[in-house]
Amino acid sequence: MRRSILKAIEAAIPAPYTAEGLYQIYAAGFLPTPYLLECRAEFPQAVQWRTRPWRGGVAVVDETGLPIPPSRRAQSTLERWKERPVPIT
C-alpha cells in the first residue's frame, strides 16, 4: 500500500488501527475489494473499484484498463468520505 493511501486513511478515520477503524476503511472504499462475495451491499465503495493484474501485482484501473495512481484514488476516496461518512453499525 502506498503512503498516500495510508495518509488519507489516517486523516479520515479517527482510529484506523482498531476493528471499528477497519470497518470504516472498507466502508469508505480505501481498500479495493472488487471480488468480495458477501456483504457487497454493506461495502459498495470497496467493491466499486476495477482491478487487474499489473506488473506482478494487482492494480486499481480506470475504464481503459490503465492503473489509477494511488494518490488520485486516495484523494477521490477521501473526498467521497468527507461528504458521507459511514457510521459504525
PDB file of N, CA and C in Angstrom:
ATOM      1  N   MET A   1       0.851  -1.164   0.000  1.00  0.00           N
ATOM      2  CA  MET A   1       0.000   0.000   0.000  1.00  0.00           C
ATOM      3  C   MET A   1       0.899   1.229   0.000  1.00  0.00           C
ATOM      4  N   ARG A   2       0.503   2.200  -0.727  1.00  0.00           N
ATOM      5  CA  ARG A   2       1.305   3.415  -0.856  1.00  0.00           C
ATOM      6  C   ARG A   2       1.082   4.356   0.323  1.00  0.00           C
ATOM      7  N   ARG A   3       2.044   5.204   0.557  1.00  0.00           N
ATOM      8  CA  ARG A   3       1.949   6.172   1.656  1.00  0.00           C
ATOM      9  C   ARG A   3       0.761   7.110   1.501  1.00  0.00           C
ATOM     10  N   SER A   4       0.408   7.459   0.277  1.00  0.00           N
ATOM     11  CA  SER A   4      -0.717   8.373   0.068  1.00  0.00           C
ATOM     12  C   SER A   4      -2.024   7.764   0.564  1.00  0.00           C
ATOM     13  N   ILE A   5      -2.182   6.469   0.390  1.00  0.00           N
ATOM     14  CA  ILE A   5      -3.386   5.789   0.883  1.00  0.00           C
ATOM     15  C   ILE A   5      -3.387   5.800   2.409  1.00  0.00           C
ATOM     16  N   LEU A   6      -2.247   5.463   3.009  1.00  0.00           N
ATOM     17  CA  LEU A   6      -2.162   5.456   4.474  1.00  0.00           C
ATOM     18  C   LEU A   6      -2.407   6.844   5.060  1.00  0.00           C
ATOM     19  N   LYS A   7      -1.847   7.865   4.436  1.00  0.00           N
ATOM     20  CA  LYS A   7      -2.059   9.238   4.922  1.00  0.00           C
ATOM     21  C   LYS A   7      -3.535   9.618   4.842  1.00  0.00           C
ATOM     22  N   ALA A   8      -4.187   9.257   3.751  1.00  0.00           N
ATOM     23  CA  ALA A   8      -5.606   9.571   3.588  1.00  0.00           C
ATOM     24  C   ALA A   8      -6.447   8.819   4.622  1.00  0.00           C
ATOM     25  N   ILE A   9      -6.114   7.560   4.852  1.00  0.00           N
ATOM     26  CA  ILE A   9      -6.835   6.772   5.861  1.00  0.00           C
ATOM     27  C   ILE A   9      -6.678   7.422   7.228  1.00  0.00           C
ATOM     28  N   GLU A  10      -5.441   7.753   7.590  1.00  0.00           N
ATOM     29  CA  GLU A  10      -5.191   8.338   8.906  1.00  0.00           C
ATOM     30  C   GLU A  10      -5.834   9.723   9.051  1.00  0.00           C
ATOM     31  N   ALA A  11      -6.007  10.444   7.952  1.00  0.00           N
ATOM     32  CA  ALA A  11      -6.661  11.751   8.005  1.00  0.00           C
ATOM     33  C   ALA A  11      -8.175  11.626   8.143  1.00  0.00           C
ATOM     34  N   ALA A  12      -8.752  10.565   7.587  1.00  0.00           N
ATOM     35  CA  ALA A  12     -10.209  10.437   7.538  1.00  0.00           C
ATOM     36  C   ALA A  12     -10.797   9.601   8.666  1.00  0.00           C
ATOM     37  N   ILE A  13     -10.092   8.587   9.101  1.00  0.00           N
ATOM     38  CA  ILE A  13     -10.631   7.632  10.063  1.00  0.00           C
ATOM     39  C   ILE A  13     -10.046   7.931  11.445  1.00  0.00           C
ATOM     40  N   PRO A  14     -10.895   8.195  12.439  1.00  0.00           N
ATOM     41  CA  PRO A  14     -10.393   8.587  13.756  1.00  0.00           C
ATOM     42  C   PRO A  14      -9.469   7.559  14.418  1.00  0.00           C
ATOM     43  N   ALA A  15      -9.783   6.298  14.356  1.00  0.00           N
ATOM     44  CA  ALA A  15      -8.965   5.254  14.991  1.00  0.00           C
ATOM     45  C   ALA A  15      -8.759   4.128  13.974  1.00  0.00           C
ATOM     46  N   PRO A  16      -7.907   4.341  12.975  1.00  0.00           N
ATOM     47  CA  PRO A  16      -7.805   3.373  11.879  1.00  0.00           C
ATOM     48  C   PRO A  16      -7.240   2.007  12.269  1.00  0.00           C
ATOM     49  N   TYR A  17      -6.565   1.908  13.401  1.00  0.00           N
ATOM     50  CA  TYR A  17      -5.933   0.641  13.780  1.00  0.00           C
ATOM     51  C   TYR A  17      -6.745  -0.121  14.816  1.00  0.00           C
ATOM     52  N   THR A  18      -8.058   0.037  14.730  1.00  0.00           N
ATOM     53  CA  THR A  18      -8.988  -0.701  15.576  1.00  0.00           C
ATOM     54  C   THR A  18      -9.953  -1.459  14.673  1.00  0.00           C
ATOM     55  N   ALA A  19     -10.734  -2.346  15.261  1.00  0.00           N
ATOM     56  CA  ALA A  19     -11.735  -3.077  14.468  1.00  0.00           C
ATOM     57  C   ALA A  19     -12.744  -2.117  13.848  1.00  0.00           C
ATOM     58  N   GLU A  20     -13.156  -1.120  14.609  1.00  0.00           N
ATOM     59  CA  GLU A  20     -14.105  -0.129  14.089  1.00  0.00           C
ATOM     60  C   GLU A  20     -13.476   0.681  12.955  1.00  0.00           C
ATOM     61  N   GLY A  21     -12.202   1.002  13.116  1.00  0.00           N
ATOM     62  CA  GLY A  21     -11.494   1.735  12.075  1.00  0.00           C
ATOM     63  C   GLY A  21     -11.396   0.931  10.792  1.00  0.00           C
ATOM     64  N   LEU A  22     -11.093  -0.356  10.918  1.00  0.00           N
ATOM     65  CA  LEU A  22     -11.009  -1.210   9.725  1.00  0.00           C
ATOM     66  C   LEU A  22     -12.355  -1.278   9.019  1.00  0.00           C
ATOM     67  N   TYR A  23     -13.430  -1.357   9.788  1.00  0.00           N
ATOM     68  CA  TYR A  23     -14.769  -1.353   9.203  1.00  0.00           C
ATOM     69  C   TYR A  23     -14.977  -0.070   8.392  1.00  0.00           C
ATOM     70  N   GLN A  24     -14.618   1.072   8.969  1.00  0.00           N
ATOM     71  CA  GLN A  24     -14.802   2.347   8.275  1.00  0.00           C
ATOM     72  C   GLN A  24     -13.890   2.454   7.051  1.00  0.00           C
ATOM     73  N   ILE A  25     -12.704   1.882   7.121  1.00  0.00           N
ATOM     74  CA  ILE A  25     -11.787   1.890   5.973  1.00  0.00           C
ATOM     75  C   ILE A  25     -12.416   1.141   4.800  1.00  0.00           C
ATOM     76  N   TYR A  26     -12.999  -0.027   5.073  1.00  0.00           N
ATOM     77  CA  TYR A  26     -13.674  -0.766   3.999  1.00  0.00           C
ATOM     78  C   TYR A  26     -14.928  -0.037   3.528  1.00  0.00           C
ATOM     79  N   ALA A  27     -15.689   0.502   4.460  1.00  0.00           N
ATOM     80  CA  ALA A  27     -16.919   1.212   4.094  1.00  0.00           C
ATOM     81  C   ALA A  27     -16.617   2.423   3.219  1.00  0.00           C
ATOM     82  N   ALA A  28     -15.502   3.084   3.485  1.00  0.00           N
ATOM     83  CA  ALA A  28     -15.129   4.259   2.691  1.00  0.00           C
ATOM     84  C   ALA A  28     -14.606   3.873   1.316  1.00  0.00           C
ATOM     85  N   GLY A  29     -14.073   2.665   1.186  1.00  0.00           N
ATOM     86  CA  GLY A  29     -13.529   2.233  -0.104  1.00  0.00           C
ATOM     87  C   GLY A  29     -12.033   2.423  -0.237  1.00  0.00           C
ATOM     88  N   PHE A  30     -11.328   2.664   0.881  1.00  0.00           N
ATOM     89  CA  PHE A  30      -9.879   2.833   0.813  1.00  0.00           C
ATOM     90  C   PHE A  30      -9.177   1.545   0.380  1.00  0.00           C
ATOM     91  N   LEU A  31      -9.754   0.391   0.735  1.00  0.00           N
ATOM     92  CA  LEU A  31      -9.166  -0.888   0.352  1.00  0.00           C
ATOM     93  C   LEU A  31     -10.054  -1.540  -0.702  1.00  0.00           C
ATOM     94  N   PRO A  32      -9.650  -1.496  -1.957  1.00  0.00           N
ATOM     95  CA  PRO A  32     -10.475  -2.072  -3.011  1.00  0.00           C
ATOM     96  C   PRO A  32     -10.612  -3.575  -2.846  1.00  0.00           C
ATOM     97  N   THR A  33     -11.842  -4.040  -2.879  1.00  0.00           N
ATOM     98  CA  THR A  33     -12.136  -5.455  -2.727  1.00  0.00           C
ATOM     99  C   THR A  33     -13.226  -5.827  -3.724  1.00  0.00           C
ATOM    100  N   PRO A  34     -12.927  -5.783  -5.020  1.00  0.00           N
ATOM    101  CA  PRO A  34     -13.984  -5.971  -6.016  1.00  0.00           C
ATOM    102  C   PRO A  34     -14.578  -7.380  -6.041  1.00  0.00           C
ATOM    103  N   TYR A  35     -13.873  -8.358  -5.513  1.00  0.00           N
ATOM    104  CA  TYR A  35     -14.378  -9.728  -5.559  1.00  0.00           C
ATOM    105  C   TYR A  35     -14.929 -10.194  -4.228  1.00  0.00           C
ATOM    106  N   LEU A  36     -15.294  -9.269  -3.363  1.00  0.00           N
ATOM    107  CA  LEU A  36     -15.928  -9.595  -2.095  1.00  0.00           C
ATOM    108  C   LEU A  36     -17.227 -10.323  -2.395  1.00  0.00           C
ATOM    109  N   LEU A  37     -17.398 -11.511  -1.845  1.00  0.00           N
ATOM    110  CA  LEU A  37     -18.572 -12.311  -2.167  1.00  0.00           C
ATOM    111  C   LEU A  37     -19.764 -11.989  -1.271  1.00  0.00           C
ATOM    112  N   GLU A  38     -19.507 -11.821   0.004  1.00  0.00           N
ATOM    113  CA  GLU A  38     -20.589 -11.486   0.920  1.00  0.00           C
ATOM    114  C   GLU A  38     -20.442 -10.032   1.349  1.00  0.00           C
ATOM    115  N   CYS A  39     -21.492  -9.459   1.829  1.00  0.00           N
ATOM    116  CA  CYS A  39     -21.508  -8.083   2.330  1.00  0.00           C
ATOM    117  C   CYS A  39     -21.277  -7.046   1.235  1.00  0.00           C
ATOM    118  N   ARG A  40     -21.554  -7.378   0.000  1.00  0.00           N
ATOM    119  CA  ARG A  40     -21.364  -6.412  -1.089  1.00  0.00           C
ATOM    120  C   ARG A  40     -22.234  -5.179  -0.885  1.00  0.00           C
ATOM    121  N   ALA A  41     -23.458  -5.373  -0.400  1.00  0.00           N
ATOM    122  CA  ALA A  41     -24.355  -4.239  -0.172  1.00  0.00           C
ATOM    123  C   ALA A  41     -23.866  -3.383   0.996  1.00  0.00           C
ATOM    124  N   GLU A  42     -23.160  -3.997   1.925  1.00  0.00           N
ATOM    125  CA  GLU A  42     -22.658  -3.268   3.091  1.00  0.00           C
ATOM    126  C   GLU A  42     -21.424  -2.425   2.757  1.00  0.00           C
ATOM    127  N   PHE A  43     -20.650  -2.853   1.754  1.00  0.00           N
ATOM    128  CA  PHE A  43     -19.413  -2.167   1.385  1.00  0.00           C
ATOM    129  C   PHE A  43     -19.388  -1.793  -0.104  1.00  0.00           C
ATOM    130  N   PRO A  44     -20.357  -1.012  -0.576  1.00  0.00           N
ATOM    131  CA  PRO A  44     -20.404  -0.694  -2.012  1.00  0.00           C
ATOM    132  C   PRO A  44     -19.193   0.077  -2.506  1.00  0.00           C
ATOM    133  N   GLN A  45     -18.590   0.906  -1.653  1.00  0.00           N
ATOM    134  CA  GLN A  45     -17.417   1.673  -2.085  1.00  0.00           C
ATOM    135  C   GLN A  45     -16.196   0.774  -2.262  1.00  0.00           C
ATOM    136  N   ALA A  46     -16.108  -0.296  -1.497  1.00  0.00           N
ATOM    137  CA  ALA A  46     -14.960  -1.205  -1.611  1.00  0.00           C
ATOM    138  C   ALA A  46     -15.048  -2.073  -2.858  1.00  0.00           C
ATOM    139  N   VAL A  47     -16.263  -2.421  -3.268  1.00  0.00           N
ATOM    140  CA  VAL A  47     -16.416  -3.312  -4.424  1.00  0.00           C
ATOM    141  C   VAL A  47     -16.553  -2.563  -5.744  1.00  0.00           C
ATOM    142  N   GLN A  48     -16.634  -1.248  -5.707  1.00  0.00           N
ATOM    143  CA  GLN A  48     -16.839  -0.480  -6.938  1.00  0.00           C
ATOM    144  C   GLN A  48     -15.581  -0.336  -7.789  1.00  0.00           C
ATOM    145  N   TRP A  49     -14.406  -0.610  -7.225  1.00  0.00           N
ATOM    146  CA  TRP A  49     -13.150  -0.454  -7.970  1.00  0.00           C
ATOM    147  C   TRP A  49     -12.915  -1.604  -8.929  1.00  0.00           C
ATOM    148  N   ARG A  50     -12.307  -1.316 -10.069  1.00  0.00           N
ATOM    149  CA  ARG A  50     -11.877  -2.340 -11.026  1.00  0.00           C
ATOM    150  C   ARG A  50     -10.406  -2.636 -10.752  1.00  0.00           C
ATOM    151  N   THR A  51     -10.051  -3.895 -10.805  1.00  0.00           N
ATOM    152  CA  THR A  51      -8.645  -4.262 -10.634  1.00  0.00           C
ATOM    153  C   THR A  51      -8.236  -5.197 -11.769  1.00  0.00           C
ATOM    154  N   ARG A  52      -6.919  -5.310 -11.945  1.00  0.00           N
ATOM    155  CA  ARG A  52      -6.400  -6.268 -12.911  1.00  0.00           C
ATOM    156  C   ARG A  52      -4.937  -6.531 -12.582  1.00  0.00           C
ATOM    157  N   PRO A  53      -4.440  -7.677 -13.025  1.00  0.00           N
ATOM    158  CA  PRO A  53      -3.014  -7.948 -12.813  1.00  0.00           C
ATOM    159  C   PRO A  53      -2.176  -6.892 -13.522  1.00  0.00           C
ATOM    160  N   TRP A  54      -1.133  -6.440 -12.844  1.00  0.00           N
ATOM    161  CA  TRP A  54      -0.293  -5.403 -13.422  1.00  0.00           C
ATOM    162  C   TRP A  54       1.117  -5.563 -12.870  1.00  0.00           C
ATOM    163  N   ARG A  55       2.058  -5.900 -13.738  1.00  0.00           N
ATOM    164  CA  ARG A  55       3.478  -5.997 -13.388  1.00  0.00           C
ATOM    165  C   ARG A  55       3.743  -6.818 -12.129  1.00  0.00           C
ATOM    166  N   GLY A  56       3.146  -7.983 -12.064  1.00  0.00           N
ATOM    167  CA  GLY A  56       3.380  -8.889 -10.949  1.00  0.00           C
ATOM    168  C   GLY A  56       2.540  -8.610  -9.722  1.00  0.00           C
ATOM    169  N   GLY A  57       1.624  -7.668  -9.806  1.00  0.00           N
ATOM    170  CA  GLY A  57       0.751  -7.348  -8.684  1.00  0.00           C
ATOM    171  C   GLY A  57      -0.657  -7.126  -9.186  1.00  0.00           C
ATOM    172  N   VAL A  58      -1.453  -6.499  -8.384  1.00  0.00           N
ATOM    173  CA  VAL A  58      -2.825  -6.163  -8.764  1.00  0.00           C
ATOM    174  C   VAL A  58      -2.973  -4.651  -8.615  1.00  0.00           C
ATOM    175  N   ALA A  59      -3.498  -4.015  -9.653  1.00  0.00           N
ATOM    176  CA  ALA A  59      -3.654  -2.563  -9.651  1.00  0.00           C
ATOM    177  C   ALA A  59      -5.118  -2.188  -9.814  1.00  0.00           C
ATOM    178  N   VAL A  60      -5.493  -1.080  -9.212  1.00  0.00           N
ATOM    179  CA  VAL A  60      -6.805  -0.487  -9.458  1.00  0.00           C
ATOM    180  C   VAL A  60      -6.677   0.248 -10.785  1.00  0.00           C
ATOM    181  N   VAL A  61      -7.622  -0.012 -11.691  1.00  0.00           N
ATOM    182  CA  VAL A  61      -7.527   0.548 -13.035  1.00  0.00           C
ATOM    183  C   VAL A  61      -8.766   1.377 -13.377  1.00  0.00           C
ATOM    184  N   ASP A  62      -8.593   2.249 -14.372  1.00  0.00           N
ATOM    185  CA  ASP A  62      -9.720   3.042 -14.850  1.00  0.00           C
ATOM    186  C   ASP A  62     -10.468   2.259 -15.928  1.00  0.00           C
ATOM    187  N   GLU A  63     -11.426   2.918 -16.566  1.00  0.00           N
ATOM    188  CA  GLU A  63     -12.252   2.233 -17.571  1.00  0.00           C
ATOM    189  C   GLU A  63     -11.471   1.806 -18.808  1.00  0.00           C
ATOM    190  N   THR A  64     -10.281   2.378 -19.027  1.00  0.00           N
ATOM    191  CA  THR A  64      -9.464   1.978 -20.174  1.00  0.00           C
ATOM    192  C   THR A  64      -8.473   0.872 -19.818  1.00  0.00           C
ATOM    193  N   GLY A  65      -8.439   0.479 -18.531  1.00  0.00           N
ATOM    194  CA  GLY A  65      -7.542  -0.593 -18.104  1.00  0.00           C
ATOM    195  C   GLY A  65      -6.178  -0.121 -17.632  1.00  0.00           C
ATOM    196  N   LEU A  66      -5.988   1.201 -17.546  1.00  0.00           N
ATOM    197  CA  LEU A  66      -4.714   1.742 -17.067  1.00  0.00           C
ATOM    198  C   LEU A  66      -4.777   1.986 -15.566  1.00  0.00           C
ATOM    199  N   PRO A  67      -3.667   1.742 -14.860  1.00  0.00           N
ATOM    200  CA  PRO A  67      -3.667   1.915 -13.407  1.00  0.00           C
ATOM    201  C   PRO A  67      -3.991   3.344 -12.981  1.00  0.00           C
ATOM    202  N   ILE A  68      -4.740   3.441 -11.907  1.00  0.00           N
ATOM    203  CA  ILE A  68      -5.036   4.731 -11.298  1.00  0.00           C
ATOM    204  C   ILE A  68      -3.963   4.962 -10.240  1.00  0.00           C
ATOM    205  N   PRO A  69      -3.288   6.097 -10.273  1.00  0.00           N
ATOM    206  CA  PRO A  69      -2.266   6.359  -9.255  1.00  0.00           C
ATOM    207  C   PRO A  69      -2.874   6.322  -7.850  1.00  0.00           C
ATOM    208  N   PRO A  70      -2.185   5.718  -6.899  1.00  0.00           N
ATOM    209  CA  PRO A  70      -2.723   5.648  -5.537  1.00  0.00           C
ATOM    210  C   PRO A  70      -3.081   7.016  -4.963  1.00  0.00           C
ATOM    211  N   SER A  71      -2.310   8.039  -5.281  1.00  0.00           N
ATOM    212  CA  SER A  71      -2.617   9.366  -4.742  1.00  0.00           C
ATOM    213  C   SER A  71      -3.961   9.875  -5.263  1.00  0.00           C
ATOM    214  N   ARG A  72      -4.267   9.608  -6.526  1.00  0.00           N
ATOM    215  CA  ARG A  72      -5.551  10.036  -7.092  1.00  0.00           C
ATOM    216  C   ARG A  72      -6.705   9.243  -6.482  1.00  0.00           C
ATOM    217  N   ARG A  73      -6.495   7.946  -6.291  1.00  0.00           N
ATOM    218  CA  ARG A  73      -7.518   7.099  -5.679  1.00  0.00           C
ATOM    219  C   ARG A  73      -7.754   7.519  -4.232  1.00  0.00           C
ATOM    220  N   ALA A  74      -6.683   7.822  -3.515  1.00  0.00           N
ATOM    221  CA  ALA A  74      -6.804   8.253  -2.120  1.00  0.00           C
ATOM    222  C   ALA A  74      -7.581   9.560  -2.034  1.00  0.00           C
ATOM    223  N   GLN A  75      -7.273  10.499  -2.903  1.00  0.00           N
ATOM    224  CA  GLN A  75      -7.959  11.794  -2.890  1.00  0.00           C
ATOM    225  C   GLN A  75      -9.439  11.626  -3.206  1.00  0.00           C
ATOM    226  N   SER A  76      -9.756  10.819  -4.182  1.00  0.00           N
ATOM    227  CA  SER A  76     -11.140  10.569  -4.553  1.00  0.00           C
ATOM    228  C   SER A  76     -11.918   9.936  -3.401  1.00  0.00           C
ATOM    229  N   THR A  77     -11.320   8.949  -2.768  1.00  0.00           N
ATOM    230  CA  THR A  77     -11.975   8.268  -1.651  1.00  0.00           C
ATOM    231  C   THR A  77     -12.149   9.217  -0.475  1.00  0.00           C
ATOM    232  N   LEU A  78     -11.137   9.997  -0.192  1.00  0.00           N
ATOM    233  CA  LEU A  78     -11.190  10.945   0.918  1.00  0.00           C
ATOM    234  C   LEU A  78     -12.293  11.988   0.690  1.00  0.00           C
ATOM    235  N   GLU A  79     -12.426  12.498  -0.510  1.00  0.00           N
ATOM    236  CA  GLU A  79     -13.477  13.474  -0.821  1.00  0.00           C
ATOM    237  C   GLU A  79     -14.862  12.852  -0.640  1.00  0.00           C
ATOM    238  N   ARG A  80     -15.037  11.642  -1.134  1.00  0.00           N
ATOM    239  CA  ARG A  80     -16.317  10.955  -1.007  1.00  0.00           C
ATOM    240  C   ARG A  80     -16.636  10.697   0.467  1.00  0.00           C
ATOM    241  N   TRP A  81     -15.633  10.309   1.240  1.00  0.00           N
ATOM    242  CA  TRP A  81     -15.832  10.011   2.661  1.00  0.00           C
ATOM    243  C   TRP A  81     -16.230  11.268   3.441  1.00  0.00           C
ATOM    244  N   LYS A  82     -15.621  12.393   3.103  1.00  0.00           N
ATOM    245  CA  LYS A  82     -15.962  13.635   3.805  1.00  0.00           C
ATOM    246  C   LYS A  82     -17.418  14.045   3.537  1.00  0.00           C
ATOM    247  N   GLU A  83     -17.921  13.716   2.354  1.00  0.00           N
ATOM    248  CA  GLU A  83     -19.311  14.029   2.014  1.00  0.00           C
ATOM    249  C   GLU A  83     -20.281  13.153   2.778  1.00  0.00           C
ATOM    250  N   ARG A  84     -19.969  11.851   2.894  1.00  0.00           N
ATOM    251  CA  ARG A  84     -20.887  10.899   3.513  1.00  0.00           C
ATOM    252  C   ARG A  84     -20.149   9.859   4.351  1.00  0.00           C
ATOM    253  N   PRO A  85     -19.676  10.216   5.534  1.00  0.00           N
ATOM    254  CA  PRO A  85     -19.040   9.204   6.365  1.00  0.00           C
ATOM    255  C   PRO A  85     -20.059   8.157   6.792  1.00  0.00           C
ATOM    256  N   VAL A  86     -19.610   6.930   6.924  1.00  0.00           N
ATOM    257  CA  VAL A  86     -20.499   5.819   7.282  1.00  0.00           C
ATOM    258  C   VAL A  86     -20.335   5.533   8.772  1.00  0.00           C
ATOM    259  N   PRO A  87     -21.417   5.625   9.547  1.00  0.00           N
ATOM    260  CA  PRO A  87     -21.302   5.295  10.965  1.00  0.00           C
ATOM    261  C   PRO A  87     -21.113   3.791  11.159  1.00  0.00           C
ATOM    262  N   ILE A  88     -20.494   3.432  12.236  1.00  0.00           N
ATOM    263  CA  ILE A  88     -20.309   2.014  12.548  1.00  0.00           C
ATOM    264  C   ILE A  88     -21.637   1.458  13.014  1.00  0.00           C
ATOM    265  N   THR A  89     -22.036   0.313  12.444  1.00  0.00           N
ATOM    266  CA  THR A  89     -23.300  -0.303  12.823  1.00  0.00           C
ATOM    267  C   THR A  89     -23.084  -1.524  13.673  1.00  0.00           C
TER     268      THR A  89
END
